[in-house]
Protein backbone atom coordinates (compact mmCIF):
# COMPACT_ATOMS: atom_id res chain seq x y z
CA MET A 1 25.46 -4.31 -10.00
CA THR A 2 25.80 -7.97 -10.99
CA LYS A 3 23.51 -9.75 -13.46
CA ARG A 4 22.27 -11.89 -10.58
CA SER A 5 21.40 -8.82 -8.49
CA LYS A 6 19.57 -7.25 -11.41
CA SER A 7 17.57 -10.44 -12.01
CA ILE A 8 16.53 -10.54 -8.37
CA LEU A 9 15.52 -6.90 -8.47
CA ALA A 10 13.49 -7.52 -11.61
CA ILE A 11 11.41 -9.96 -9.59
CA LEU A 12 11.02 -7.45 -6.77
CA ALA A 13 9.93 -4.77 -9.22
CA ALA A 14 6.97 -6.96 -10.21
CA GLY A 15 4.78 -5.03 -7.80
CA LEU A 16 4.93 -7.01 -4.55
CA LEU A 17 6.15 -4.14 -2.38
CA VAL A 18 3.79 -1.28 -3.05
CA THR A 19 1.88 0.67 -0.44
CA VAL A 20 -0.35 3.63 -0.92
CA PHE A 21 -1.09 6.74 1.12
CA ILE A 22 -4.70 7.70 0.53
CA PRO A 23 -5.44 11.46 0.51
CA LEU A 24 -8.13 12.84 2.75
CA VAL A 25 -11.41 11.72 1.18
CA TRP A 26 -14.70 10.50 2.57
CA ALA A 27 -15.99 7.04 1.74
CA ASP A 28 -19.64 7.50 2.79
CA LEU A 29 -20.76 10.56 0.82
CA THR A 30 -24.04 12.07 1.95
CA GLY A 31 -25.04 15.69 2.37
CA LYS A 32 -23.19 18.72 1.16
CA VAL A 33 -19.48 18.42 0.36
CA ARG A 34 -16.62 20.41 -1.11
CA ILE A 35 -14.51 18.64 -3.76
CA ILE A 36 -11.02 19.92 -4.52
CA ASP A 37 -9.48 18.68 -7.76
CA MET A 38 -5.80 18.22 -8.62
CA ASN A 39 -5.64 21.79 -9.99
CA GLY A 40 -6.96 23.29 -6.75
CA ARG A 41 -10.45 24.04 -8.13
CA ARG A 42 -13.20 23.85 -5.48
CA ILE A 43 -16.73 22.66 -6.20
CA GLU A 44 -19.48 22.58 -3.54
CA GLY A 45 -22.84 20.88 -3.60
CA GLU A 46 -24.80 17.66 -3.12
CA VAL A 47 -22.79 14.73 -4.39
CA LYS A 48 -23.72 11.44 -6.00
CA GLU A 49 -21.09 8.74 -6.39
CA LEU A 50 -20.79 7.07 -9.81
CA PRO A 51 -18.58 4.04 -10.62
CA ASP A 52 -15.58 6.17 -11.67
CA ALA A 53 -16.70 9.74 -10.98
CA TYR A 54 -18.63 12.07 -8.69
CA GLU A 55 -21.70 14.03 -9.79
CA ILE A 56 -22.04 17.34 -7.90
CA ARG A 57 -25.25 19.36 -7.97
CA GLN A 58 -24.40 22.94 -7.03
CA SER A 59 -26.72 25.43 -5.33
CA SER A 60 -27.03 27.28 -8.66
CA GLY A 61 -28.66 24.18 -10.13
CA ILE A 62 -25.65 23.37 -12.32
CA THR A 63 -24.55 19.74 -12.19
CA MET A 64 -20.90 18.82 -12.77
CA VAL A 65 -19.17 15.45 -13.12
CA ILE A 66 -15.56 15.01 -12.03
CA LYS A 67 -13.55 11.82 -12.45
CA LYS A 68 -12.34 10.17 -9.24
CA SER A 69 -8.79 10.16 -10.60
CA GLU A 70 -8.92 13.98 -10.71
CA VAL A 71 -10.05 14.39 -7.07
CA LYS A 72 -7.46 15.49 -4.52
CA GLU A 73 -9.73 15.89 -1.48
CA ILE A 74 -13.35 15.71 -0.41
CA ILE A 75 -14.47 17.73 2.64
CA ARG A 76 -17.82 17.11 4.27
CA LEU A 77 -19.64 20.43 4.91
CA GLU A 78 -22.54 18.94 6.85
CA PRO A 79 -22.08 16.30 9.56
CA ARG A 80 -23.66 12.90 9.11
CA ALA A 81 -26.55 12.00 11.34
CA LYS A 82 -25.31 9.96 14.28
CA GLU A 83 -25.65 6.28 13.46
CA THR A 84 -27.65 4.06 15.75
CA SER A 85 -25.34 1.63 17.50
CA THR A 86 -25.73 -1.95 16.35
CA ILE A 87 -23.18 -3.45 18.72
CA ASP A 88 -24.08 -7.04 19.46
CA ALA A 89 -24.31 -7.24 23.26
CA THR A 90 -23.65 -10.98 23.08
CA ARG A 91 -20.34 -10.55 21.22
CA THR A 92 -17.24 -11.44 23.18
CA VAL A 93 -14.24 -9.66 21.70
CA LYS A 94 -11.07 -11.64 22.27
CA ARG A 95 -8.62 -9.04 23.48
CA SER A 96 -4.92 -9.66 23.91
CA GLY A 97 -3.46 -7.28 26.48
CA SER A 98 -0.58 -4.90 26.00
CA ASP A 99 1.88 -7.72 26.33
CA VAL A 100 4.40 -6.87 23.64
CA SER A 101 7.36 -6.64 25.97
CA ASP A 102 10.00 -3.94 26.07
CA GLU A 103 12.52 -6.69 25.33
CA GLU A 104 10.74 -7.59 22.07
CA ILE A 105 10.68 -3.96 20.99
CA ALA A 106 14.30 -3.41 22.04
CA ALA A 107 15.31 -6.39 19.92
CA ILE A 108 13.73 -4.66 16.93
CA LEU A 109 15.09 -1.22 17.69
CA GLY A 110 18.63 -2.42 18.40
CA GLU A 111 21.24 -0.67 20.46
CA ASP A 112 21.92 2.01 17.84
CA TRP A 113 18.46 2.19 16.39
CA ILE A 114 18.25 5.79 15.26
CA GLU A 115 21.81 6.75 14.52
CA SER A 116 23.93 8.05 17.41
CA GLU A 117 22.21 11.29 18.41
CA ASN A 118 21.23 11.62 22.05
CA VAL A 119 17.55 12.37 21.53
CA GLY A 120 16.31 11.49 24.97
CA SER A 121 13.94 8.75 26.04
CA VAL A 122 10.44 9.05 27.46
CA THR A 123 8.15 11.89 26.32
CA ASP A 124 4.46 12.63 26.91
CA ALA A 125 3.70 11.04 23.55
CA ASP A 126 5.23 7.77 24.82
CA ALA A 127 2.50 7.39 27.45
CA ALA A 128 0.10 4.50 26.94
CA LEU A 129 -3.18 5.45 25.26
CA THR A 130 -6.75 4.28 25.78
CA ALA A 131 -8.74 2.53 23.06
CA ASP A 132 -11.99 3.91 21.64
CA MET A 133 -13.99 0.73 22.20
CA GLU A 134 -17.07 1.94 20.31
CA SER A 135 -14.84 2.46 17.28
CA ILE A 136 -13.14 -0.90 17.85
CA ASP A 137 -16.51 -2.68 17.99
CA GLU A 138 -17.33 -1.11 14.64
CA MET A 139 -14.03 -2.38 13.21
CA CYS A 140 -14.73 -5.88 14.47
CA ARG A 141 -18.13 -5.85 12.76
CA ILE A 142 -16.60 -4.64 9.51
CA ALA A 143 -13.82 -7.26 9.57
CA ASP A 144 -16.22 -9.95 10.88
CA THR A 145 -13.82 -10.95 13.63
CA GLU A 146 -13.73 -10.99 17.40
CA THR A 147 -9.95 -10.93 17.75
CA LEU A 148 -7.81 -7.91 18.40
CA PHE A 149 -4.37 -7.23 19.79
CA GLU A 150 -3.59 -4.14 21.84
CA THR A 151 -0.26 -2.47 22.53
CA ASP A 152 0.41 0.83 24.30
CA HIS A 153 -0.37 2.88 21.17
CA PHE A 154 -2.20 0.58 18.72
CA VAL A 155 -5.18 -1.71 18.34
CA LEU A 156 -4.73 -4.38 15.67
CA VAL A 157 -8.05 -5.93 14.57
CA TYR A 158 -6.98 -9.07 12.77
CA THR A 159 -8.13 -12.23 11.03
CA SER A 160 -4.58 -13.48 10.47
CA ASP A 161 -2.45 -15.95 12.40
CA PRO A 162 -2.19 -14.66 16.01
CA ALA A 163 1.59 -15.13 16.12
CA LEU A 164 1.98 -12.93 13.04
CA ALA A 165 -0.36 -10.31 14.54
CA ARG A 166 1.81 -10.23 17.65
CA LYS A 167 4.99 -9.88 15.61
CA LEU A 168 3.59 -7.02 13.57
CA SER A 169 2.25 -5.31 16.70
CA ALA A 170 5.80 -5.17 18.02
CA ARG A 171 6.83 -3.53 14.74
CA LEU A 172 4.09 -0.94 15.14
CA GLU A 173 5.34 -0.02 18.59
CA ALA A 174 8.95 0.16 17.40
CA THR A 175 7.96 2.46 14.53
CA TYR A 176 6.00 4.69 16.93
CA ARG A 177 9.05 5.09 19.17
CA TRP A 178 11.24 5.84 16.17
CA MET A 179 8.89 8.59 15.02
CA VAL A 180 8.51 10.27 18.44
CA ARG A 181 12.28 10.54 18.73
CA PHE A 182 12.66 11.64 15.12
CA MET A 183 10.44 14.62 15.88
CA LYS A 184 12.83 15.63 18.65
CA MET A 185 15.69 15.39 16.16
CA VAL A 186 13.99 17.95 13.91
CA ASP A 187 13.09 20.15 16.89
CA LEU A 188 9.34 19.46 16.86
CA GLU A 189 7.23 18.46 19.85
CA ALA A 190 5.16 15.32 19.46
CA VAL A 191 1.56 15.52 20.62
CA THR A 192 -0.31 12.71 22.36
CA PRO A 193 -3.04 11.07 20.24
CA GLU A 194 -6.51 10.97 21.80
CA HIS A 195 -6.86 7.20 21.36
CA LYS A 196 -4.87 4.19 20.27
CA LEU A 197 -4.26 4.11 16.52
CA GLU A 198 -6.47 1.63 14.69
CA ILE A 199 -5.20 -1.02 12.27
CA TYR A 200 -6.80 -3.80 10.23
CA PHE A 201 -4.71 -6.87 9.42
CA TYR A 202 -6.41 -9.43 7.19
CA ARG A 203 -5.34 -13.03 6.69
CA ASP A 204 -5.72 -12.84 2.90
CA HIS A 205 -6.17 -10.49 -0.02
CA GLN A 206 -9.90 -11.21 -0.34
CA GLY A 207 -10.82 -9.78 3.07
CA TYR A 208 -8.48 -6.82 2.57
CA LYS A 209 -9.92 -6.08 -0.87
CA SER A 210 -13.47 -6.34 0.47
CA TYR A 211 -12.71 -3.73 3.13
CA GLY A 212 -10.93 -1.51 0.58
CA SER A 213 -14.06 -1.48 -1.57
CA THR A 214 -16.07 -0.02 1.32
CA VAL A 215 -13.79 3.01 1.67
CA GLY A 216 -13.28 3.52 -2.06
CA GLY A 217 -10.38 4.35 -4.35
CA ILE A 218 -7.93 1.64 -3.22
CA PRO A 219 -5.79 0.38 -6.12
CA ASP A 220 -5.92 -3.41 -6.42
CA TRP A 221 -2.11 -3.57 -6.49
CA ALA A 222 -1.64 -1.74 -3.18
CA ALA A 223 -0.15 -3.93 -0.45
CA GLY A 224 -1.47 -1.65 2.28
CA PHE A 225 -2.88 1.82 2.84
CA PHE A 226 -3.49 4.53 5.42
CA MET A 227 -6.65 6.57 4.90
CA ARG A 228 -6.74 9.99 6.53
CA SER A 229 -10.54 10.32 6.37
CA ASN A 230 -11.20 7.53 8.90
CA ASN A 231 -7.71 7.57 10.45
CA ARG A 232 -7.19 3.83 9.97
CA SER A 233 -4.62 1.66 8.22
CA ALA A 234 -5.21 -1.70 6.57
CA PHE A 235 -3.04 -4.46 5.14
CA TYR A 236 -2.98 -8.24 4.79
CA ASP A 237 -0.61 -11.19 5.12
CA MET A 238 1.48 -10.92 1.96
CA ASN A 239 2.25 -14.64 2.12
CA LYS A 240 -1.37 -15.03 0.93
CA SER A 241 -1.16 -12.48 -1.89
CA PRO A 242 -2.65 -13.65 -5.22
CA ARG A 243 0.73 -13.30 -6.95
CA VAL A 244 2.50 -15.50 -4.40
CA VAL A 245 -0.27 -18.09 -4.43
CA LYS A 246 0.04 -18.24 -8.23
CA TYR A 247 3.84 -18.61 -8.05
CA LEU A 248 3.57 -21.40 -5.51
CA GLU A 249 1.03 -23.23 -7.68
CA GLN A 250 3.39 -22.98 -10.64
CA LEU A 251 6.25 -24.29 -8.52
CA GLU A 252 4.34 -27.49 -7.81
CA ARG A 253 5.29 -28.58 -11.33
CA ALA A 254 8.99 -27.77 -10.85
CA PRO A 255 11.69 -30.30 -9.83
CA MET A 256 11.82 -30.81 -6.06
CA ARG A 257 15.24 -29.16 -5.61
CA ALA A 258 14.26 -26.01 -7.48
CA ARG A 259 10.84 -25.98 -5.84
CA ARG A 260 12.29 -25.96 -2.35
CA PHE A 261 14.79 -23.20 -3.19
CA TYR A 262 12.23 -20.82 -4.68
CA GLN A 263 9.59 -21.56 -2.05
CA ASN A 264 12.08 -20.56 0.65
CA ARG A 265 13.13 -17.46 -1.29
CA ILE A 266 9.52 -16.35 -1.79
CA LYS A 267 8.70 -16.98 1.88
CA ARG A 268 11.64 -14.88 3.07
CA TYR A 269 10.75 -12.08 0.68
CA GLN A 270 7.10 -12.05 1.71
CA ASP A 271 8.05 -11.97 5.39
CA PHE A 272 10.21 -8.95 4.53
CA VAL A 273 7.29 -7.33 2.70
CA ASN A 274 4.94 -7.87 5.64
CA LEU A 275 7.31 -6.00 7.92
CA THR A 276 8.12 -3.28 5.40
CA VAL A 277 4.51 -2.54 4.48
CA ILE A 278 3.40 -2.27 8.09
CA GLN A 279 6.29 0.04 8.99
CA HIS A 280 5.64 2.22 5.93
CA GLU A 281 1.91 2.61 6.57
CA ALA A 282 2.43 2.94 10.31
CA ALA A 283 4.81 5.83 9.60
CA HIS A 284 2.06 7.64 7.64
CA HIS A 285 -0.45 6.87 10.37
CA ILE A 286 1.84 8.13 13.12
CA HIS A 287 2.96 11.26 11.22
CA PHE A 288 -0.61 12.56 11.13
CA ASN A 289 -1.42 11.62 14.73
CA ILE A 290 1.55 12.84 16.74
CA GLY A 291 1.58 16.24 15.09
CA LEU A 292 4.40 15.99 12.54
CA PHE A 293 1.87 16.92 9.86
CA SER A 294 -1.53 18.48 10.52
CA LYS A 295 -4.33 15.97 9.98
CA ARG A 296 -5.89 17.95 7.12
CA GLY A 297 -2.76 19.67 5.91
CA ASP A 298 -1.88 19.87 2.21
CA ILE A 299 1.45 17.99 2.43
CA PRO A 300 3.35 17.21 -0.81
CA THR A 301 3.27 13.53 -1.76
CA TRP A 302 7.04 13.29 -2.13
CA VAL A 303 7.43 14.46 1.48
CA THR A 304 4.98 11.98 3.03
CA GLU A 305 6.13 9.04 0.89
CA GLY A 306 9.82 9.87 1.08
CA LEU A 307 9.79 10.08 4.87
CA ALA A 308 7.71 6.90 5.27
CA GLN A 309 10.31 5.05 3.20
CA MET A 310 13.05 6.29 5.53
CA PHE A 311 11.36 4.25 8.28
CA GLU A 312 10.05 1.26 6.34
CA LEU A 313 13.14 -0.95 6.18
CA PRO A 314 13.21 -3.64 8.89
CA PRO A 315 16.46 -3.50 10.88
CA GLY A 316 19.14 -5.90 9.70
CA LYS A 317 22.83 -6.45 10.22
CA ARG A 318 23.57 -2.89 9.10
CA GLY A 319 20.91 -1.23 11.26
CA GLY A 320 17.52 0.16 10.39
CA SER A 321 15.40 3.27 10.05
CA LEU A 322 17.39 6.47 9.61
CA GLY A 323 20.61 4.68 10.50
CA THR A 324 21.00 2.92 7.17
CA ILE A 325 20.35 3.19 3.45
CA ASN A 326 17.09 1.68 2.21
CA HIS A 327 18.81 -0.61 -0.29
CA TYR A 328 15.53 -1.78 -1.79
CA ARG A 329 14.66 1.79 -2.81
CA LEU A 330 18.26 2.56 -3.75
CA ALA A 331 18.31 -0.34 -6.20
CA ASP A 332 14.95 0.69 -7.60
CA PHE A 333 16.09 4.29 -8.14
CA GLN A 334 19.43 3.36 -9.69
CA GLY A 335 17.80 0.74 -11.90
CA THR A 336 15.00 3.06 -13.02
CA TYR A 337 17.05 6.15 -13.82
CA ASN A 338 20.57 5.01 -14.65
CA PRO A 339 21.16 5.97 -18.31
CA LYS A 340 24.03 3.46 -18.54
CA TYR A 341 21.60 0.54 -18.56
CA ARG A 342 20.87 -0.52 -22.11
CA GLY A 343 17.31 0.19 -23.13
CA ASN A 344 16.62 2.37 -20.09
CA ARG A 345 14.59 5.27 -21.44
CA ASN A 346 13.38 6.62 -18.12
CA ARG A 347 14.28 10.20 -17.48
CA LEU A 348 14.22 11.80 -14.07
CA THR A 349 11.35 14.25 -13.64
CA LYS A 350 12.75 17.74 -13.28
CA LEU A 351 13.26 18.51 -9.61
CA ARG A 352 11.30 21.77 -9.81
CA LEU A 353 8.25 19.89 -11.09
CA PHE A 354 8.67 16.92 -8.73
CA VAL A 355 8.68 19.01 -5.52
CA SER A 356 5.90 21.39 -6.56
CA ASP A 357 3.22 19.52 -8.51
CA ASP A 358 1.52 16.46 -6.99
CA SER A 359 -0.42 15.84 -10.20
CA THR A 360 2.81 14.52 -11.78
CA TRP A 361 3.20 11.78 -9.15
CA ASP A 362 3.77 8.40 -10.84
CA PRO A 363 3.51 5.43 -8.42
CA GLY A 364 5.51 3.27 -10.81
CA LYS A 365 8.58 5.53 -10.77
CA HIS A 366 8.34 8.15 -8.07
CA TYR A 367 8.36 6.17 -4.82
CA SER A 368 12.09 5.57 -5.05
CA TYR A 369 12.58 9.18 -6.25
CA GLY A 370 10.83 10.40 -3.11
CA TRP A 371 13.03 8.20 -0.92
CA ALA A 372 16.24 9.24 -2.73
CA LEU A 373 15.52 12.97 -2.40
CA THR A 374 14.54 12.64 1.27
CA HIS A 375 17.64 10.56 2.04
CA TYR A 376 19.86 13.12 0.29
CA LEU A 377 18.32 16.06 2.15
CA TRP A 378 18.61 14.22 5.48
CA LYS A 379 22.25 13.33 4.93
CA LYS A 380 23.55 16.44 3.17
CA HIS A 381 21.16 19.26 4.16
CA ARG A 382 19.84 18.18 7.55
CA PRO A 383 19.38 21.60 9.20
CA GLN A 384 17.46 22.84 6.17
CA TYR A 385 15.39 19.63 6.03
CA ALA A 386 14.45 20.09 9.70
CA GLU A 387 13.46 23.69 8.96
CA PHE A 388 11.40 22.50 5.98
CA LEU A 389 9.48 20.01 8.17
CA GLN A 390 8.92 22.73 10.76
CA ARG A 391 7.36 24.93 8.10
CA LEU A 392 5.09 22.11 6.90
CA ASN A 393 4.19 21.44 10.52
CA ARG A 394 2.86 25.00 10.83
CA ARG A 395 0.75 24.78 7.68
CA GLU A 396 -2.92 25.49 8.34
CA ASP A 397 -5.39 22.68 7.76
CA ASP A 398 -7.40 24.30 5.00
CA LYS A 399 -4.54 26.10 3.25
CA ARG A 400 -3.91 24.87 -0.29
CA LEU A 401 -0.73 25.92 -2.07
CA SER A 402 -0.34 26.26 -5.82
CA ALA A 403 2.59 24.60 -7.58
CA THR A 404 4.34 27.99 -7.72
CA GLU A 405 3.92 28.44 -3.97
CA GLN A 406 5.13 24.89 -3.26
CA LEU A 407 8.27 25.51 -5.30
CA GLN A 408 8.89 28.86 -3.62
CA GLU A 409 8.62 27.22 -0.19
CA PHE A 410 11.17 24.57 -1.19
CA GLU A 411 13.60 27.08 -2.69
CA ASP A 412 13.29 29.48 0.25
CA ILE A 413 14.96 26.81 2.38
CA PHE A 414 17.11 24.68 0.06
CA GLY A 415 18.04 27.21 -2.59
CA PRO A 416 17.30 27.03 -6.33
CA ALA A 417 15.95 23.66 -7.50
CA ASP A 418 18.07 24.02 -10.62
CA ASP A 419 20.25 21.71 -12.71
CA LYS A 420 23.16 22.05 -10.28
CA PHE A 421 21.04 20.98 -7.31
CA GLN A 422 19.68 18.03 -9.29
CA LYS A 423 23.18 17.01 -10.42
CA ASP A 424 24.54 17.16 -6.86
CA PHE A 425 21.59 15.05 -5.72
CA MET A 426 22.04 12.50 -8.51
CA ASP A 427 25.80 12.27 -8.03
CA TYR A 428 25.32 11.54 -4.35
CA ILE A 429 22.67 8.84 -4.84
CA PHE A 430 24.55 7.10 -7.65
CA ALA A 431 27.72 7.15 -5.54
CA GLN A 432 25.95 4.92 -2.98
CA ARG A 433 26.75 1.27 -3.50
CA PHE A 434 23.84 -1.16 -3.55
CA ARG A 435 24.50 -4.06 -1.20
CA ARG A 436 22.40 -7.15 -1.81
CA SER A 437 23.48 -8.50 1.58
CA ALA A 438 21.72 -5.60 3.30
CA LEU A 439 18.33 -7.11 2.42
CA ASP A 440 17.22 -10.03 4.55
CA PHE A 441 15.70 -12.12 1.76
């Protein structure tokens, strides 16, 4: 990798392309709940939310406090009282019809958009869905907007530029079609969601952050998120991110020639991020709605994040989705773990621990690890990877596996997660050549 490539990647590693998959938790906590911590311990009782923790009063009278960072899942044990509708009858929601054309989507998918397998075309899951308009009205109130864009399978409630909303809606549809066909490739049958999938797209970080605060637990650095508890995704126009705004302000003091160069470079990169974030989060959203993973299933983080990254890269000259290497993640992995780089002290988490214990997940280092392992399994152990997804697909909603059980499940299919397996995996990933030209920025 050249010095120039490494300098570019150092900029990218500054945190601009980070999305987050939010575990199944409830934002509005009232009534009796069950809290499951990272060690699998279950605590039931009446809950009170504190700034950085939950206080649970159990039926025995004992009160416990558990930090939010230690919570894996919150399950409501008593339904909330039905809220009185406050829909403003005078509101006129500005709806754009399902007018993302097949030609627009085909241009994104490309002629060879999911490798060369003949995986068929239309399925039941491809059929157009209906929108839950009561839910959409609620979203419009929350986002304080009257504009939304509908496609066959999504509703995008947005405050952004309409042209950008349209462009991203086409990406959502393309990602949906990718995922339905991917399920056929791993011999799983996609189910049809009950309603169109619901997405927020904010024009700036302030609106996005304000919404994130209402659902709780959203890291400030996250560029987008899918939350399983309300089955919605949210992101914002990354061209308006605080970091980019700050860079552009600093560039105002630079010479005109340099200013123009870096402004264009930042704009291209942020356009890339917009597309990548939406495809990544849409992949999560779709996985849990077309039946790849059960909606309340205990799915390992490396599996959900690794697979989402297989579909996040916008198609370029070398293809997209499963048909190409995600060179952004490849560069991140090779740069993070290559011992040849001077001063690089990062050590790869032992494979046995990585695949079995979610509590070790490190967002700073493990996203690219998840992609690299998933890419390796897809390319070198595809039948076993398909079998592995089929087993996860059958996992019962309320079943929670210990780290020992997670490891056993992995090794039952792929064999021992020992030093040899890890070496074969590392040798394969480091044999892949990073191509700067494969990234469209």
